[in-house]
Every structure is written in C-alpha cells, then in structure tokens.
Amino acid sequence: MDLERLTALLDALSGRWNQVLAVFGGVALAAGLLGLLTRALGAKEEDGFHHLFRRRSDEE
C-alpha cells in the first residue's frame, strides 16, 4: 500500500474511532458467544466443529 492510499485511509477513519472500536468489539463479543454456545452444546476444544455435526448414533 503506498503512502497516498494509507493517508487517504487514515483521513477517512479520523473522527470515526468510536465506530471502528464498536465494530471490533461487536466481532469479539460474537466470537465469545459462539464459543460459549459450542461449549454448551458439548464440544471440546480438541474436537473443533466436528463434534457439533456428528450424529448421536455415531457416538454409541
């Protein structure tokens, strides 16, 4: 990225840091809630998402 594009991007974001931080905060909150949901459904960290899509009959 050249210097002109970088300064243009920074100029566009100036004064909008609250909005930028709100977006990143929302993404972090959504990721945390997804982690809580997958943990509540019984997934373990080493399972990844495979446990969520496994049928109950496969476990028996």
Protein backbone atom coordinates (compact mmCIF):
# COMPACT_ATOMS: atom_id res chain seq x y z
CA MET A 1 0.00 0.00 0.00
CA ASP A 2 1.51 3.31 -1.00
CA LEU A 3 1.71 6.34 1.24
CA GLU A 4 -1.07 8.27 -0.52
CA ARG A 5 -3.56 5.44 -0.08
CA LEU A 6 -2.56 4.99 3.55
CA THR A 7 -3.02 8.68 4.34
CA ALA A 8 -6.37 8.67 2.50
CA LEU A 9 -7.49 5.70 4.59
CA LEU A 10 -6.38 7.36 7.82
CA ASP A 11 -8.13 10.59 6.82
CA ALA A 12 -11.34 8.67 6.16
CA LEU A 13 -11.13 6.99 9.57
CA SER A 14 -10.26 10.12 11.51
CA GLY A 15 -13.09 11.00 13.85
CA ARG A 16 -14.64 7.56 13.47
CA TRP A 17 -12.56 5.65 16.00
CA ASN A 18 -15.63 5.06 18.16
CA GLN A 19 -17.34 3.32 15.26
CA VAL A 20 -14.25 1.29 14.43
CA LEU A 21 -13.85 0.18 18.04
CA ALA A 22 -17.56 -0.67 18.24
CA VAL A 23 -17.26 -2.94 15.20
CA PHE A 24 -14.23 -4.75 16.59
CA GLY A 25 -15.92 -5.02 19.98
CA GLY A 26 -19.02 -6.49 18.36
CA VAL A 27 -16.94 -9.04 16.48
CA ALA A 28 -15.14 -10.03 19.69
CA LEU A 29 -18.45 -10.35 21.53
CA ALA A 30 -19.91 -12.52 18.76
CA ALA A 31 -16.84 -14.77 18.82
CA GLY A 32 -17.14 -15.14 22.58
CA LEU A 33 -20.82 -16.01 22.36
CA LEU A 34 -20.11 -18.56 19.64
CA GLY A 35 -17.50 -20.14 21.90
CA LEU A 36 -19.97 -20.30 24.79
CA LEU A 37 -22.63 -21.81 22.56
CA THR A 38 -20.36 -24.51 21.17
CA ARG A 39 -19.15 -25.33 24.70
CA ALA A 40 -22.78 -25.57 25.88
CA LEU A 41 -23.52 -27.99 23.04
CA GLY A 42 -20.79 -30.27 24.33
CA ALA A 43 -17.91 -29.51 22.01
CA LYS A 44 -14.41 -29.70 23.41
CA GLU A 45 -11.52 -27.58 22.18
CA GLU A 46 -9.78 -30.53 20.55
CA ASP A 47 -12.97 -31.52 18.68
CA GLY A 48 -13.30 -28.30 16.72
CA PHE A 49 -16.64 -28.13 14.93
CA HIS A 50 -16.68 -31.85 14.11
CA HIS A 51 -18.50 -32.67 17.35
CA LEU A 52 -21.36 -30.32 16.53
CA PHE A 53 -22.18 -32.07 13.27
CA ARG A 54 -21.75 -35.64 14.48
CA ARG A 55 -24.92 -37.62 14.89
CA ARG A 56 -25.80 -39.00 18.30
CA SER A 57 -25.91 -42.54 16.87
CA ASP A 58 -22.24 -42.19 15.84
CA GLU A 59 -21.22 -41.84 19.49
CA GLU A 60 -22.73 -45.15 20.58
